[in-house]
Amino acid sequence: MDDHFTTYIDRWGLLPDGDPIVTHSSRLLPVLRDGAPAMLKVAIGSEEKWGAGLMLWWGGIGAARVLAYGGDAILLERATGRRSLADMATQGMDDDASLIICAAVAGLHAPRVAPRPDLVPLSDWFQALLAMREDGIFGRCADTAQLLLADPRDVVPLHGDIHHGNILDFGARGWLAIDPKRLIGERGFDYANLFCNPDHAIATAPGRLSRQVDIVARAARLERKRLLQWVLAWAGLSATWLIEDGEDEHVVPTLRIAEIAAAEIDKR
C-alpha cells in the first residue's frame, strides 16, 4: 500500500476497496469506512489542500460530504451512482445535463452561516489573460474580463472548475460537486466552463452554445449577455493557460468557443 494512504487508513479505520487513482494534483483510493463507501484523497498540490477547506465549508450541500479531514488528506462520501453528465450530453440529453449542473451550483452558492475560508480573488486568476494585450480574439477576451472584474455582482465562494466530470452521481443524495479550487468572485463565472465541455465537438457544435446559454441563464437567473461575457472571458483565460502548459492542440477549439460567444454578444 502507498505510504501516502497508510497513515490515514490507520487513523480513520479504513478498508481499501479498489485500486489507487493518481492525478496531477492528488492521489485517491476507494475505501470503506464502517462498511460505507468513501473516497480517500491525499493532495499533492497546495491548491487541492485549500479546496478541502471549501468542501468542509459547503457542508455537503451541493458538494460531496466530508467524512474526515486532516493533514493533506480528506475523506469524502463516494459517488456510487452510474449516471454520467458527459454521457448524457453525448446521448441527446445535453439540456438535462446543464440543468443538473445548474442545480448543483445553486447549492454551492447558497448562503452559509459559518465563516468562509480564506479564498483567492477571481481577479488574480485573470492576470495571465490581462497581460496578453493582443489584437483579435485574445484582446476581446481580455477586455471583456477587465470589464467584468471591475464591477463584480453576486460575489460568492466559487467552485472554480465546474464541468461535466466534476458533478457526480451520488445516488439518493443526488448530483454533487467535487474538486473545487480556492476562489471567490462573481457567481456567474462558475457557469462559464460548462460551455467548453464535455468535449470540443459538442462545445463547438453549431447552435449548441446559444441554446445552452438560454437554458443556463434561465435556470441560474443570470443575465444572458453577462453569462456570454463570462464564457468569452473564461475561454480566453483557458486558452492562455493551455499555451503556458504547452497543450497547443486544445487552443484552437477553445478559442473557437470564445469566437462563438463573441458572435452571440454582437447579435444583440
C-alpha atoms as a PDB file:
ATOM      1  CA  MET A   1       0.000   0.000   0.000  1.00  0.00           C
ATOM      2  CA  ASP A   2       1.190   3.514  -0.894  1.00  0.00           C
ATOM      3  CA  ASP A   3       2.686   5.230   2.161  1.00  0.00           C
ATOM      4  CA  HIS A   4       0.632   8.329   1.306  1.00  0.00           C
ATOM      5  CA  PHE A   5      -2.509   6.344   2.192  1.00  0.00           C
ATOM      6  CA  THR A   6      -1.301   4.212   5.118  1.00  0.00           C
ATOM      7  CA  THR A   7      -1.318   6.966   7.737  1.00  0.00           C
ATOM      8  CA  TYR A   8      -4.923   7.890   7.032  1.00  0.00           C
ATOM      9  CA  ILE A   9      -6.131   4.320   6.620  1.00  0.00           C
ATOM     10  CA  ASP A  10      -4.888   3.611  10.119  1.00  0.00           C
ATOM     11  CA  ARG A  11      -6.050   6.921  11.587  1.00  0.00           C
ATOM     12  CA  TRP A  12      -9.612   6.690  10.274  1.00  0.00           C
ATOM     13  CA  GLY A  13     -10.085   2.912  10.364  1.00  0.00           C
ATOM     14  CA  LEU A  14     -10.471   2.472   6.624  1.00  0.00           C
ATOM     15  CA  LEU A  15     -10.528  -0.638   4.451  1.00  0.00           C
ATOM     16  CA  PRO A  16      -9.182  -0.327   0.863  1.00  0.00           C
ATOM     17  CA  ASP A  17     -11.952  -1.043  -1.647  1.00  0.00           C
ATOM     18  CA  GLY A  18     -10.338  -0.587  -5.060  1.00  0.00           C
ATOM     19  CA  ASP A  19      -7.261   0.435  -6.950  1.00  0.00           C
ATOM     20  CA  PRO A  20      -5.479   3.754  -6.309  1.00  0.00           C
ATOM     21  CA  ILE A  21      -6.033   6.615  -8.763  1.00  0.00           C
ATOM     22  CA  VAL A  22      -3.244   9.133  -9.355  1.00  0.00           C
ATOM     23  CA  THR A  23      -3.891  12.538 -10.949  1.00  0.00           C
ATOM     24  CA  HIS A  24      -1.624  15.544 -11.445  1.00  0.00           C
ATOM     25  CA  SER A  25      -2.843  17.044  -8.176  1.00  0.00           C
ATOM     26  CA  SER A  26      -3.793  14.197  -5.846  1.00  0.00           C
ATOM     27  CA  ARG A  27      -3.829  10.501  -5.008  1.00  0.00           C
ATOM     28  CA  LEU A  28      -7.179   8.810  -4.467  1.00  0.00           C
ATOM     29  CA  LEU A  29      -8.169   5.458  -3.008  1.00  0.00           C
ATOM     30  CA  PRO A  30     -11.670   3.938  -2.833  1.00  0.00           C
ATOM     31  CA  VAL A  31     -12.224   2.748   0.735  1.00  0.00           C
ATOM     32  CA  LEU A  32     -14.860   1.527   3.144  1.00  0.00           C
ATOM     33  CA  ARG A  33     -15.496   3.240   6.451  1.00  0.00           C
ATOM     34  CA  ASP A  34     -17.731   1.279   8.787  1.00  0.00           C
ATOM     35  CA  GLY A  35     -18.924  -0.609   5.712  1.00  0.00           C
ATOM     36  CA  ALA A  36     -19.937   2.518   3.807  1.00  0.00           C
ATOM     37  CA  PRO A  37     -18.179   3.507   0.538  1.00  0.00           C
ATOM     38  CA  ALA A  38     -15.889   6.530   0.755  1.00  0.00           C
ATOM     39  CA  MET A  39     -13.021   8.096  -1.170  1.00  0.00           C
ATOM     40  CA  LEU A  40      -9.699   8.908   0.452  1.00  0.00           C
ATOM     41  CA  LYS A  41      -8.000  11.818  -1.284  1.00  0.00           C
ATOM     42  CA  VAL A  42      -4.429  12.863  -0.467  1.00  0.00           C
ATOM     43  CA  ALA A  43      -3.449  16.190  -2.000  1.00  0.00           C
ATOM     44  CA  ILE A  44      -0.200  16.618  -3.884  1.00  0.00           C
ATOM     45  CA  GLY A  45      -0.514  20.326  -4.690  1.00  0.00           C
ATOM     46  CA  SER A  46      -1.356  23.194  -2.342  1.00  0.00           C
ATOM     47  CA  GLU A  47      -4.447  24.151  -4.363  1.00  0.00           C
ATOM     48  CA  GLU A  48      -6.023  20.786  -3.605  1.00  0.00           C
ATOM     49  CA  LYS A  49      -5.353  21.255   0.103  1.00  0.00           C
ATOM     50  CA  TRP A  50      -7.138  24.606   0.092  1.00  0.00           C
ATOM     51  CA  GLY A  51     -10.023  23.075  -1.863  1.00  0.00           C
ATOM     52  CA  ALA A  52     -10.593  20.684   1.015  1.00  0.00           C
ATOM     53  CA  GLY A  53     -11.356  23.654   3.259  1.00  0.00           C
ATOM     54  CA  LEU A  54     -14.055  24.790   0.851  1.00  0.00           C
ATOM     55  CA  MET A  55     -15.560  21.295   0.790  1.00  0.00           C
ATOM     56  CA  LEU A  56     -15.807  21.441   4.580  1.00  0.00           C
ATOM     57  CA  TRP A  57     -17.468  24.857   4.440  1.00  0.00           C
ATOM     58  CA  TRP A  58     -20.103  23.666   1.962  1.00  0.00           C
ATOM     59  CA  GLY A  59     -21.234  21.088   4.491  1.00  0.00           C
ATOM     60  CA  GLY A  60     -22.482  18.553   1.952  1.00  0.00           C
ATOM     61  CA  ILE A  61     -24.905  20.978   0.262  1.00  0.00           C
ATOM     62  CA  GLY A  62     -24.237  20.898  -3.477  1.00  0.00           C
ATOM     63  CA  ALA A  63     -20.970  19.062  -2.809  1.00  0.00           C
ATOM     64  CA  ALA A  64     -19.826  15.684  -1.551  1.00  0.00           C
ATOM     65  CA  ARG A  65     -19.959  15.365   2.233  1.00  0.00           C
ATOM     66  CA  VAL A  66     -16.659  15.449   4.142  1.00  0.00           C
ATOM     67  CA  LEU A  67     -16.357  12.473   6.500  1.00  0.00           C
ATOM     68  CA  ALA A  68     -12.910  13.268   7.909  1.00  0.00           C
ATOM     69  CA  TYR A  69     -10.164  15.782   7.313  1.00  0.00           C
ATOM     70  CA  GLY A  70      -6.587  16.208   8.457  1.00  0.00           C
ATOM     71  CA  GLY A  71      -3.122  16.985   7.159  1.00  0.00           C
ATOM     72  CA  ASP A  72      -3.022  16.593   3.379  1.00  0.00           C
ATOM     73  CA  ALA A  73      -5.984  14.211   3.267  1.00  0.00           C
ATOM     74  CA  ILE A  74      -9.730  14.407   3.057  1.00  0.00           C
ATOM     75  CA  LEU A  75     -12.217  11.548   3.296  1.00  0.00           C
ATOM     76  CA  LEU A  76     -15.348  12.049   1.204  1.00  0.00           C
ATOM     77  CA  GLU A  77     -18.533  10.137   0.665  1.00  0.00           C
ATOM     78  CA  ARG A  78     -18.101   8.211  -2.576  1.00  0.00           C
ATOM     79  CA  ALA A  79     -20.169   8.667  -5.727  1.00  0.00           C
ATOM     80  CA  THR A  80     -21.651   5.237  -6.396  1.00  0.00           C
ATOM     81  CA  GLY A  81     -24.304   6.190  -8.956  1.00  0.00           C
ATOM     82  CA  ARG A  82     -23.781   5.025 -12.517  1.00  0.00           C
ATOM     83  CA  ARG A  83     -25.034   8.071 -14.398  1.00  0.00           C
ATOM     84  CA  SER A  84     -22.624  10.455 -16.118  1.00  0.00           C
ATOM     85  CA  LEU A  85     -23.297  14.022 -17.224  1.00  0.00           C
ATOM     86  CA  ALA A  86     -20.793  13.668 -20.059  1.00  0.00           C
ATOM     87  CA  ASP A  87     -22.660  10.603 -21.323  1.00  0.00           C
ATOM     88  CA  MET A  88     -25.955  12.455 -21.054  1.00  0.00           C
ATOM     89  CA  ALA A  89     -24.588  15.354 -23.113  1.00  0.00           C
ATOM     90  CA  THR A  90     -23.404  12.997 -25.858  1.00  0.00           C
ATOM     91  CA  GLN A  91     -26.618  10.948 -25.877  1.00  0.00           C
ATOM     92  CA  GLY A  92     -29.156  13.664 -26.620  1.00  0.00           C
ATOM     93  CA  MET A  93     -29.687  14.893 -23.055  1.00  0.00           C
ATOM     94  CA  ASP A  94     -27.430  17.960 -23.138  1.00  0.00           C
ATOM     95  CA  ASP A  95     -30.216  20.197 -21.809  1.00  0.00           C
ATOM     96  CA  ASP A  96     -30.841  17.872 -18.858  1.00  0.00           C
ATOM     97  CA  ALA A  97     -27.130  17.771 -18.032  1.00  0.00           C
ATOM     98  CA  SER A  98     -26.945  21.572 -17.987  1.00  0.00           C
ATOM     99  CA  LEU A  99     -29.959  21.805 -15.671  1.00  0.00           C
ATOM    100  CA  ILE A 100     -28.411  19.272 -13.278  1.00  0.00           C
ATOM    101  CA  ILE A 101     -25.194  21.301 -13.208  1.00  0.00           C
ATOM    102  CA  CYS A 102     -27.149  24.487 -12.502  1.00  0.00           C
ATOM    103  CA  ALA A 103     -28.948  22.854  -9.581  1.00  0.00           C
ATOM    104  CA  ALA A 104     -25.685  21.647  -8.041  1.00  0.00           C
ATOM    105  CA  VAL A 105     -24.021  25.047  -8.453  1.00  0.00           C
ATOM    106  CA  ALA A 106     -27.017  26.766  -6.847  1.00  0.00           C
ATOM    107  CA  GLY A 107     -26.446  24.582  -3.791  1.00  0.00           C
ATOM    108  CA  LEU A 108     -22.782  25.589  -3.671  1.00  0.00           C
ATOM    109  CA  HIS A 109     -23.643  29.281  -3.918  1.00  0.00           C
ATOM    110  CA  ALA A 110     -26.356  29.223  -1.236  1.00  0.00           C
ATOM    111  CA  PRO A 111     -25.527  31.327   1.856  1.00  0.00           C
ATOM    112  CA  ARG A 112     -23.829  29.673   4.824  1.00  0.00           C
ATOM    113  CA  VAL A 113     -23.711  30.743   8.463  1.00  0.00           C
ATOM    114  CA  ALA A 114     -20.147  29.578   9.111  1.00  0.00           C
ATOM    115  CA  PRO A 115     -17.248  31.965   8.413  1.00  0.00           C
ATOM    116  CA  ARG A 116     -15.915  31.254   4.934  1.00  0.00           C
ATOM    117  CA  PRO A 117     -12.350  30.006   4.424  1.00  0.00           C
ATOM    118  CA  ASP A 118      -9.545  32.145   3.055  1.00  0.00           C
ATOM    119  CA  LEU A 119     -10.060  32.380  -0.716  1.00  0.00           C
ATOM    120  CA  VAL A 120      -8.255  33.787  -3.759  1.00  0.00           C
ATOM    121  CA  PRO A 121      -9.925  36.703  -5.608  1.00  0.00           C
ATOM    122  CA  LEU A 122     -11.101  35.776  -9.096  1.00  0.00           C
ATOM    123  CA  SER A 123      -9.176  38.764 -10.461  1.00  0.00           C
ATOM    124  CA  ASP A 124      -5.908  37.004  -9.529  1.00  0.00           C
ATOM    125  CA  TRP A 125      -6.714  34.161 -11.890  1.00  0.00           C
ATOM    126  CA  PHE A 126      -7.197  36.500 -14.831  1.00  0.00           C
ATOM    127  CA  GLN A 127      -3.823  38.219 -14.615  1.00  0.00           C
ATOM    128  CA  ALA A 128      -2.330  35.883 -17.234  1.00  0.00           C
ATOM    129  CA  LEU A 129      -5.044  36.803 -19.740  1.00  0.00           C
ATOM    130  CA  LEU A 130      -4.957  40.518 -18.927  1.00  0.00           C
ATOM    131  CA  ALA A 131      -1.222  40.533 -19.571  1.00  0.00           C
ATOM    132  CA  MET A 132      -1.865  39.452 -23.178  1.00  0.00           C
ATOM    133  CA  ARG A 133      -2.538  42.789 -24.811  1.00  0.00           C
ATOM    134  CA  GLU A 134      -3.124  41.470 -28.315  1.00  0.00           C
ATOM    135  CA  ASP A 135      -5.477  42.324 -31.124  1.00  0.00           C
ATOM    136  CA  GLY A 136      -8.044  39.768 -32.203  1.00  0.00           C
ATOM    137  CA  ILE A 137      -9.920  37.321 -30.017  1.00  0.00           C
ATOM    138  CA  PHE A 138      -7.416  37.322 -27.136  1.00  0.00           C
ATOM    139  CA  GLY A 139      -7.749  41.089 -26.888  1.00  0.00           C
ATOM    140  CA  ARG A 140     -11.546  40.816 -26.916  1.00  0.00           C
ATOM    141  CA  CYS A 141     -11.411  38.196 -24.148  1.00  0.00           C
ATOM    142  CA  ALA A 142      -9.060  40.336 -22.042  1.00  0.00           C
ATOM    143  CA  ASP A 143     -11.146  43.499 -22.471  1.00  0.00           C
ATOM    144  CA  THR A 144     -14.293  41.616 -21.503  1.00  0.00           C
ATOM    145  CA  ALA A 145     -12.652  40.093 -18.440  1.00  0.00           C
ATOM    146  CA  GLN A 146     -11.435  43.510 -17.311  1.00  0.00           C
ATOM    147  CA  LEU A 147     -14.951  44.913 -17.690  1.00  0.00           C
ATOM    148  CA  LEU A 148     -16.500  42.114 -15.645  1.00  0.00           C
ATOM    149  CA  LEU A 149     -13.885  42.161 -12.906  1.00  0.00           C
ATOM    150  CA  ALA A 150     -14.193  45.934 -12.477  1.00  0.00           C
ATOM    151  CA  ASP A 151     -17.863  45.588 -11.498  1.00  0.00           C
ATOM    152  CA  PRO A 152     -18.480  42.201  -9.838  1.00  0.00           C
ATOM    153  CA  ARG A 153     -22.020  41.116  -8.989  1.00  0.00           C
ATOM    154  CA  ASP A 154     -23.276  38.500  -6.542  1.00  0.00           C
ATOM    155  CA  VAL A 155     -19.850  37.698  -5.104  1.00  0.00           C
ATOM    156  CA  VAL A 156     -19.697  34.223  -3.534  1.00  0.00           C
ATOM    157  CA  PRO A 157     -17.159  31.460  -2.864  1.00  0.00           C
ATOM    158  CA  LEU A 158     -16.693  29.741  -6.212  1.00  0.00           C
ATOM    159  CA  HIS A 159     -16.044  26.161  -7.174  1.00  0.00           C
ATOM    160  CA  GLY A 160     -13.781  27.373  -9.977  1.00  0.00           C
ATOM    161  CA  ASP A 161     -13.838  24.217 -12.129  1.00  0.00           C
ATOM    162  CA  ILE A 162     -17.442  23.316 -12.842  1.00  0.00           C
ATOM    163  CA  HIS A 163     -17.741  20.847 -15.708  1.00  0.00           C
ATOM    164  CA  HIS A 164     -19.448  17.567 -16.535  1.00  0.00           C
ATOM    165  CA  GLY A 165     -16.742  15.492 -14.842  1.00  0.00           C
ATOM    166  CA  ASN A 166     -16.796  17.367 -11.529  1.00  0.00           C
ATOM    167  CA  ILE A 167     -20.518  16.896 -10.834  1.00  0.00           C
ATOM    168  CA  LEU A 168     -21.056  13.232  -9.971  1.00  0.00           C
ATOM    169  CA  ASP A 169     -23.993  10.915  -9.334  1.00  0.00           C
ATOM    170  CA  PHE A 170     -24.258  10.242  -5.599  1.00  0.00           C
ATOM    171  CA  GLY A 171     -27.391   8.130  -5.867  1.00  0.00           C
ATOM    172  CA  ALA A 172     -30.011   9.090  -3.297  1.00  0.00           C
ATOM    173  CA  ARG A 173     -28.009  12.220  -2.419  1.00  0.00           C
ATOM    174  CA  GLY A 174     -28.317  13.484  -5.984  1.00  0.00           C
ATOM    175  CA  TRP A 175     -25.705  15.180  -8.150  1.00  0.00           C
ATOM    176  CA  LEU A 176     -22.883  16.749  -6.142  1.00  0.00           C
ATOM    177  CA  ALA A 177     -19.643  18.599  -6.860  1.00  0.00           C
ATOM    178  CA  ILE A 178     -16.083  17.514  -6.152  1.00  0.00           C
ATOM    179  CA  ASP A 179     -12.608  19.042  -6.646  1.00  0.00           C
ATOM    180  CA  PRO A 180     -13.131  22.779  -6.041  1.00  0.00           C
ATOM    181  CA  LYS A 181     -10.496  25.481  -6.308  1.00  0.00           C
ATOM    182  CA  ARG A 182      -9.748  28.174  -3.721  1.00  0.00           C
ATOM    183  CA  LEU A 183     -11.644  31.093  -5.254  1.00  0.00           C
ATOM    184  CA  ILE A 184     -14.123  33.898  -4.633  1.00  0.00           C
ATOM    185  CA  GLY A 185     -15.831  36.123  -7.185  1.00  0.00           C
ATOM    186  CA  GLU A 186     -18.968  36.738  -9.215  1.00  0.00           C
ATOM    187  CA  ARG A 187     -21.221  33.681  -9.218  1.00  0.00           C
ATOM    188  CA  GLY A 188     -21.781  33.834 -12.984  1.00  0.00           C
ATOM    189  CA  PHE A 189     -18.173  32.777 -13.521  1.00  0.00           C
ATOM    190  CA  ASP A 190     -18.887  29.302 -12.149  1.00  0.00           C
ATOM    191  CA  TYR A 191     -21.171  28.522 -15.096  1.00  0.00           C
ATOM    192  CA  ALA A 192     -18.760  29.528 -17.871  1.00  0.00           C
ATOM    193  CA  ASN A 193     -16.678  26.355 -18.080  1.00  0.00           C
ATOM    194  CA  LEU A 194     -19.632  24.061 -18.749  1.00  0.00           C
ATOM    195  CA  PHE A 195     -19.912  25.671 -22.206  1.00  0.00           C
ATOM    196  CA  CYS A 196     -16.409  24.390 -23.024  1.00  0.00           C
ATOM    197  CA  ASN A 197     -17.420  20.849 -22.063  1.00  0.00           C
ATOM    198  CA  PRO A 198     -17.847  17.903 -22.137  1.00  0.00           C
ATOM    199  CA  ASP A 199     -15.661  17.845 -25.259  1.00  0.00           C
ATOM    200  CA  HIS A 200     -14.633  20.088 -28.142  1.00  0.00           C
ATOM    201  CA  ALA A 201     -17.019  18.522 -30.654  1.00  0.00           C
ATOM    202  CA  ILE A 202     -20.087  19.175 -28.512  1.00  0.00           C
ATOM    203  CA  ALA A 203     -18.914  22.559 -27.264  1.00  0.00           C
ATOM    204  CA  THR A 204     -18.347  23.915 -30.785  1.00  0.00           C
ATOM    205  CA  ALA A 205     -21.360  22.262 -32.465  1.00  0.00           C
ATOM    206  CA  PRO A 206     -23.493  24.774 -34.421  1.00  0.00           C
ATOM    207  CA  GLY A 207     -26.162  26.329 -32.201  1.00  0.00           C
ATOM    208  CA  ARG A 208     -25.077  24.475 -29.072  1.00  0.00           C
ATOM    209  CA  LEU A 209     -23.655  27.407 -27.132  1.00  0.00           C
ATOM    210  CA  SER A 210     -26.615  29.684 -27.900  1.00  0.00           C
ATOM    211  CA  ARG A 211     -29.124  27.060 -26.793  1.00  0.00           C
ATOM    212  CA  GLN A 212     -27.285  26.186 -23.595  1.00  0.00           C
ATOM    213  CA  VAL A 213     -26.802  29.845 -22.700  1.00  0.00           C
ATOM    214  CA  ASP A 214     -30.568  30.291 -22.871  1.00  0.00           C
ATOM    215  CA  ILE A 215     -31.124  27.244 -20.659  1.00  0.00           C
ATOM    216  CA  VAL A 216     -28.460  28.138 -18.085  1.00  0.00           C
ATOM    217  CA  ALA A 217     -29.383  31.824 -17.931  1.00  0.00           C
ATOM    218  CA  ARG A 218     -32.981  30.926 -17.096  1.00  0.00           C
ATOM    219  CA  ALA A 219     -32.126  28.165 -14.618  1.00  0.00           C
ATOM    220  CA  ALA A 220     -29.452  30.189 -12.810  1.00  0.00           C
ATOM    221  CA  ARG A 221     -31.284  33.526 -13.034  1.00  0.00           C
ATOM    222  CA  LEU A 222     -28.424  35.192 -14.872  1.00  0.00           C
ATOM    223  CA  GLU A 223     -28.455  37.964 -17.436  1.00  0.00           C
ATOM    224  CA  ARG A 224     -27.863  36.291 -20.816  1.00  0.00           C
ATOM    225  CA  LYS A 225     -25.349  38.828 -22.122  1.00  0.00           C
ATOM    226  CA  ARG A 226     -23.321  38.796 -18.937  1.00  0.00           C
ATOM    227  CA  LEU A 227     -23.198  34.996 -18.959  1.00  0.00           C
ATOM    228  CA  LEU A 228     -21.926  35.135 -22.546  1.00  0.00           C
ATOM    229  CA  GLN A 229     -19.291  37.635 -21.423  1.00  0.00           C
ATOM    230  CA  TRP A 230     -18.113  35.212 -18.748  1.00  0.00           C
ATOM    231  CA  VAL A 231     -17.911  32.427 -21.340  1.00  0.00           C
ATOM    232  CA  LEU A 232     -15.849  34.714 -23.574  1.00  0.00           C
ATOM    233  CA  ALA A 233     -13.531  35.734 -20.733  1.00  0.00           C
ATOM    234  CA  TRP A 234     -13.135  32.181 -19.441  1.00  0.00           C
ATOM    235  CA  ALA A 235     -12.378  30.722 -22.870  1.00  0.00           C
ATOM    236  CA  GLY A 236      -9.625  33.315 -23.309  1.00  0.00           C
ATOM    237  CA  LEU A 237      -8.147  32.510 -19.895  1.00  0.00           C
ATOM    238  CA  SER A 238      -8.351  28.780 -20.551  1.00  0.00           C
ATOM    239  CA  ALA A 239      -6.585  29.203 -23.905  1.00  0.00           C
ATOM    240  CA  THR A 240      -3.887  31.272 -22.192  1.00  0.00           C
ATOM    241  CA  TRP A 241      -3.244  28.512 -19.665  1.00  0.00           C
ATOM    242  CA  LEU A 242      -3.203  25.900 -22.431  1.00  0.00           C
ATOM    243  CA  ILE A 243      -0.481  27.849 -24.222  1.00  0.00           C
ATOM    244  CA  GLU A 244       1.503  28.167 -20.990  1.00  0.00           C
ATOM    245  CA  ASP A 245       1.194  24.401 -20.433  1.00  0.00           C
ATOM    246  CA  GLY A 246       2.199  23.530 -23.990  1.00  0.00           C
ATOM    247  CA  GLU A 247      -1.185  21.971 -24.817  1.00  0.00           C
ATOM    248  CA  ASP A 248      -1.381  23.699 -28.187  1.00  0.00           C
ATOM    249  CA  GLU A 249      -3.774  21.159 -29.718  1.00  0.00           C
ATOM    250  CA  HIS A 250      -6.560  22.403 -27.431  1.00  0.00           C
ATOM    251  CA  VAL A 251      -6.034  26.120 -28.027  1.00  0.00           C
ATOM    252  CA  VAL A 252      -7.844  26.453 -31.367  1.00  0.00           C
ATOM    253  CA  PRO A 253     -11.124  24.756 -30.272  1.00  0.00           C
ATOM    254  CA  THR A 254     -11.081  26.725 -27.020  1.00  0.00           C
ATOM    255  CA  LEU A 255     -10.691  29.996 -28.903  1.00  0.00           C
ATOM    256  CA  ARG A 256     -13.475  28.860 -31.228  1.00  0.00           C
ATOM    257  CA  ILE A 257     -15.789  28.846 -28.212  1.00  0.00           C
ATOM    258  CA  ALA A 258     -14.663  32.401 -27.461  1.00  0.00           C
ATOM    259  CA  GLU A 259     -15.451  33.408 -31.030  1.00  0.00           C
ATOM    260  CA  ILE A 260     -18.922  31.835 -30.855  1.00  0.00           C
ATOM    261  CA  ALA A 261     -19.623  33.652 -27.578  1.00  0.00           C
ATOM    262  CA  ALA A 262     -18.409  36.956 -29.049  1.00  0.00           C
ATOM    263  CA  ALA A 263     -20.667  36.493 -32.087  1.00  0.00           C
ATOM    264  CA  GLU A 264     -23.640  35.833 -29.792  1.00  0.00           C
ATOM    265  CA  ILE A 265     -22.925  39.011 -27.849  1.00  0.00           C
ATOM    266  CA  ASP A 266     -22.704  41.033 -31.062  1.00  0.00           C
ATOM    267  CA  LYS A 267     -26.096  39.779 -32.259  1.00  0.00           C
ATOM    268  CA  ARG A 268     -27.948  41.676 -29.557  1.00  0.00           C
END
